[in-house]
Amino acid sequence: MRLLIIHYKILLKVVIKSTYKYIISKGINASRITKQEGFGESQLVNKCANNVKCSEEEHQLNRRTEFIIIKMK
């Protein structure tokens, strides 16, 4: 189980970095991105944690990136 947790943390860092690069590629100035954070299974949108029987679609709902826009130019 420990190895699985480490794997998820590494994967989460890759997703955060990819999302950051995507936002920059769309013209957002890097200085406007003040926080990058991943939550793994700590903030699920449904009951589908590891080892919980759910459909792939249900698990997919928890694989997401959320943006909080705090100020529009």
N, C-alpha and C. Protein backbone atom coordinates (compact mmCIF):
# COMPACT_ATOMS: atom_id res chain seq x y z
N MET A 1 0.82 -1.20 0.00
CA MET A 1 0.00 0.00 0.00
C MET A 1 0.87 1.26 0.00
N ARG A 2 1.98 1.22 0.73
CA ARG A 2 2.88 2.39 0.80
C ARG A 2 3.41 2.75 -0.59
N LEU A 3 3.80 1.74 -1.37
CA LEU A 3 4.30 1.99 -2.72
C LEU A 3 3.22 2.63 -3.58
N LEU A 4 2.00 2.20 -3.43
CA LEU A 4 0.89 2.77 -4.18
C LEU A 4 0.70 4.24 -3.83
N ILE A 5 0.81 4.59 -2.57
CA ILE A 5 0.68 5.98 -2.13
C ILE A 5 1.80 6.83 -2.73
N ILE A 6 3.02 6.31 -2.74
CA ILE A 6 4.15 7.03 -3.33
C ILE A 6 3.92 7.21 -4.83
N HIS A 7 3.42 6.18 -5.50
CA HIS A 7 3.12 6.26 -6.93
C HIS A 7 2.11 7.37 -7.21
N TYR A 8 1.06 7.44 -6.42
CA TYR A 8 0.04 8.48 -6.60
C TYR A 8 0.61 9.88 -6.37
N LYS A 9 1.48 10.02 -5.40
CA LYS A 9 2.08 11.33 -5.13
C LYS A 9 2.95 11.77 -6.30
N ILE A 10 3.70 10.85 -6.88
CA ILE A 10 4.52 11.18 -8.05
C ILE A 10 3.62 11.54 -9.23
N LEU A 11 2.60 10.74 -9.46
CA LEU A 11 1.66 11.01 -10.55
C LEU A 11 0.99 12.37 -10.36
N LEU A 12 0.62 12.68 -9.15
CA LEU A 12 -0.02 13.96 -8.85
C LEU A 12 0.90 15.14 -9.19
N LYS A 13 2.18 15.01 -8.88
CA LYS A 13 3.13 16.07 -9.22
C LYS A 13 3.23 16.25 -10.73
N VAL A 14 3.19 15.15 -11.48
CA VAL A 14 3.24 15.22 -12.94
C VAL A 14 2.00 15.93 -13.48
N VAL A 15 0.85 15.61 -12.93
CA VAL A 15 -0.41 16.24 -13.36
C VAL A 15 -0.38 17.74 -13.05
N ILE A 16 0.09 18.11 -11.89
CA ILE A 16 0.17 19.52 -11.51
C ILE A 16 1.09 20.27 -12.48
N LYS A 17 2.25 19.70 -12.78
CA LYS A 17 3.19 20.34 -13.70
C LYS A 17 2.60 20.47 -15.10
N SER A 18 1.94 19.43 -15.57
CA SER A 18 1.31 19.46 -16.90
C SER A 18 0.22 20.51 -16.97
N THR A 19 -0.58 20.61 -15.93
CA THR A 19 -1.65 21.60 -15.88
C THR A 19 -1.07 23.01 -15.88
N TYR A 20 -0.03 23.22 -15.12
CA TYR A 20 0.65 24.51 -15.07
C TYR A 20 1.15 24.90 -16.47
N LYS A 21 1.82 23.99 -17.14
CA LYS A 21 2.33 24.26 -18.49
C LYS A 21 1.19 24.55 -19.47
N TYR A 22 0.08 23.83 -19.33
CA TYR A 22 -1.07 24.05 -20.20
C TYR A 22 -1.63 25.47 -20.02
N ILE A 23 -1.78 25.88 -18.79
CA ILE A 23 -2.31 27.21 -18.50
C ILE A 23 -1.40 28.29 -19.09
N ILE A 24 -0.10 28.12 -18.92
CA ILE A 24 0.87 29.06 -19.47
C ILE A 24 0.77 29.10 -20.99
N SER A 25 0.61 27.93 -21.62
CA SER A 25 0.53 27.86 -23.08
C SER A 25 -0.71 28.56 -23.63
N LYS A 26 -1.71 28.75 -22.79
CA LYS A 26 -2.94 29.43 -23.21
C LYS A 26 -2.87 30.94 -22.97
N GLY A 27 -1.69 31.43 -22.58
CA GLY A 27 -1.50 32.87 -22.48
C GLY A 27 -1.61 33.45 -21.09
N ILE A 28 -1.76 32.62 -20.08
CA ILE A 28 -1.81 33.13 -18.71
C ILE A 28 -0.38 33.38 -18.24
N ASN A 29 -0.12 34.55 -17.73
CA ASN A 29 1.21 34.89 -17.23
C ASN A 29 1.51 34.05 -15.99
N ALA A 30 2.69 33.47 -15.96
CA ALA A 30 3.07 32.60 -14.85
C ALA A 30 3.00 33.30 -13.50
N SER A 31 3.20 34.60 -13.48
CA SER A 31 3.16 35.34 -12.21
C SER A 31 1.75 35.39 -11.62
N ARG A 32 0.73 35.09 -12.44
CA ARG A 32 -0.65 35.10 -11.95
C ARG A 32 -1.04 33.77 -11.30
N ILE A 33 -0.20 32.77 -11.44
CA ILE A 33 -0.49 31.47 -10.84
C ILE A 33 0.21 31.43 -9.49
N THR A 34 -0.57 31.56 -8.45
CA THR A 34 0.01 31.72 -7.12
C THR A 34 0.09 30.43 -6.32
N LYS A 35 -0.67 29.42 -6.72
CA LYS A 35 -0.68 28.20 -5.93
C LYS A 35 -0.95 27.01 -6.84
N GLN A 36 -0.20 25.95 -6.62
CA GLN A 36 -0.43 24.69 -7.31
C GLN A 36 -0.50 23.62 -6.24
N GLU A 37 -1.58 22.90 -6.20
CA GLU A 37 -1.76 21.94 -5.12
C GLU A 37 -2.56 20.75 -5.63
N GLY A 38 -2.16 19.57 -5.21
CA GLY A 38 -2.89 18.36 -5.55
C GLY A 38 -3.43 17.72 -4.28
N PHE A 39 -4.55 17.05 -4.41
CA PHE A 39 -5.20 16.50 -3.22
C PHE A 39 -5.32 14.98 -3.23
N GLY A 40 -5.03 14.34 -4.35
CA GLY A 40 -5.15 12.89 -4.39
C GLY A 40 -6.53 12.45 -3.96
N GLU A 41 -6.57 11.55 -3.01
CA GLU A 41 -7.86 11.03 -2.55
C GLU A 41 -8.41 11.77 -1.34
N SER A 42 -7.84 12.89 -0.99
CA SER A 42 -8.31 13.60 0.19
C SER A 42 -9.55 14.45 -0.08
N GLN A 43 -9.87 14.69 -1.36
CA GLN A 43 -11.05 15.50 -1.69
C GLN A 43 -11.81 14.88 -2.86
N LEU A 44 -12.32 13.70 -2.63
CA LEU A 44 -13.09 12.99 -3.66
C LEU A 44 -14.45 13.64 -3.85
N VAL A 45 -15.00 13.52 -5.06
CA VAL A 45 -16.34 14.05 -5.32
C VAL A 45 -17.41 12.98 -5.15
N ASN A 46 -16.98 11.75 -4.91
CA ASN A 46 -17.91 10.65 -4.67
C ASN A 46 -17.25 9.64 -3.73
N LYS A 47 -17.83 8.49 -3.58
CA LYS A 47 -17.34 7.48 -2.64
C LYS A 47 -16.23 6.60 -3.20
N CYS A 48 -15.77 6.87 -4.40
CA CYS A 48 -14.91 5.94 -5.14
C CYS A 48 -13.43 6.09 -4.84
N ALA A 49 -13.04 5.77 -3.63
CA ALA A 49 -11.63 5.75 -3.25
C ALA A 49 -11.01 4.44 -3.76
N ASN A 50 -9.71 4.26 -3.51
CA ASN A 50 -9.07 2.99 -3.87
C ASN A 50 -9.77 1.84 -3.18
N ASN A 51 -9.83 0.73 -3.86
CA ASN A 51 -10.42 -0.51 -3.35
C ASN A 51 -11.93 -0.41 -3.11
N VAL A 52 -12.57 0.59 -3.67
CA VAL A 52 -14.03 0.70 -3.62
C VAL A 52 -14.54 0.36 -5.01
N LYS A 53 -15.48 -0.57 -5.08
CA LYS A 53 -15.98 -1.00 -6.38
C LYS A 53 -16.89 0.08 -6.97
N CYS A 54 -16.42 0.67 -8.06
CA CYS A 54 -17.15 1.70 -8.79
C CYS A 54 -16.88 1.51 -10.27
N SER A 55 -17.71 2.11 -11.08
CA SER A 55 -17.47 2.06 -12.53
C SER A 55 -16.28 2.95 -12.87
N GLU A 56 -15.72 2.74 -14.05
CA GLU A 56 -14.61 3.58 -14.50
C GLU A 56 -15.06 5.04 -14.59
N GLU A 57 -16.29 5.26 -15.02
CA GLU A 57 -16.82 6.62 -15.12
C GLU A 57 -16.85 7.30 -13.75
N GLU A 58 -17.24 6.54 -12.73
CA GLU A 58 -17.27 7.11 -11.37
C GLU A 58 -15.86 7.45 -10.88
N HIS A 59 -14.91 6.55 -11.13
CA HIS A 59 -13.53 6.83 -10.74
C HIS A 59 -12.99 8.04 -11.50
N GLN A 60 -13.37 8.16 -12.77
CA GLN A 60 -12.88 9.27 -13.60
C GLN A 60 -13.29 10.63 -13.03
N LEU A 61 -14.43 10.70 -12.37
CA LEU A 61 -14.88 11.97 -11.77
C LEU A 61 -13.88 12.50 -10.74
N ASN A 62 -13.13 11.60 -10.13
CA ASN A 62 -12.15 12.01 -9.12
C ASN A 62 -10.80 12.37 -9.72
N ARG A 63 -10.62 12.12 -11.00
CA ARG A 63 -9.38 12.49 -11.69
C ARG A 63 -9.64 13.80 -12.41
N ARG A 64 -9.42 14.87 -11.72
CA ARG A 64 -9.83 16.17 -12.26
C ARG A 64 -8.83 17.24 -11.85
N THR A 65 -8.92 18.34 -12.55
CA THR A 65 -8.18 19.54 -12.20
C THR A 65 -9.20 20.65 -12.03
N GLU A 66 -9.12 21.35 -10.93
CA GLU A 66 -10.04 22.45 -10.67
C GLU A 66 -9.26 23.76 -10.65
N PHE A 67 -9.87 24.80 -11.17
CA PHE A 67 -9.27 26.12 -11.17
C PHE A 67 -10.16 27.05 -10.36
N ILE A 68 -9.55 27.90 -9.58
CA ILE A 68 -10.28 28.93 -8.86
C ILE A 68 -9.81 30.27 -9.42
N ILE A 69 -10.73 30.98 -10.03
CA ILE A 69 -10.41 32.29 -10.60
C ILE A 69 -10.73 33.34 -9.55
N ILE A 70 -9.70 34.07 -9.12
CA ILE A 70 -9.94 35.02 -8.05
C ILE A 70 -10.10 36.45 -8.54
N LYS A 71 -9.63 36.72 -9.76
CA LYS A 71 -9.78 38.07 -10.29
C LYS A 71 -9.68 38.04 -11.80
N MET A 72 -10.62 38.67 -12.45
CA MET A 72 -10.59 38.77 -13.90
C MET A 72 -9.92 40.08 -14.28
N LYS A 73 -9.18 40.06 -15.37
CA LYS A 73 -8.56 41.31 -15.86
C LYS A 73 -9.55 42.10 -16.65
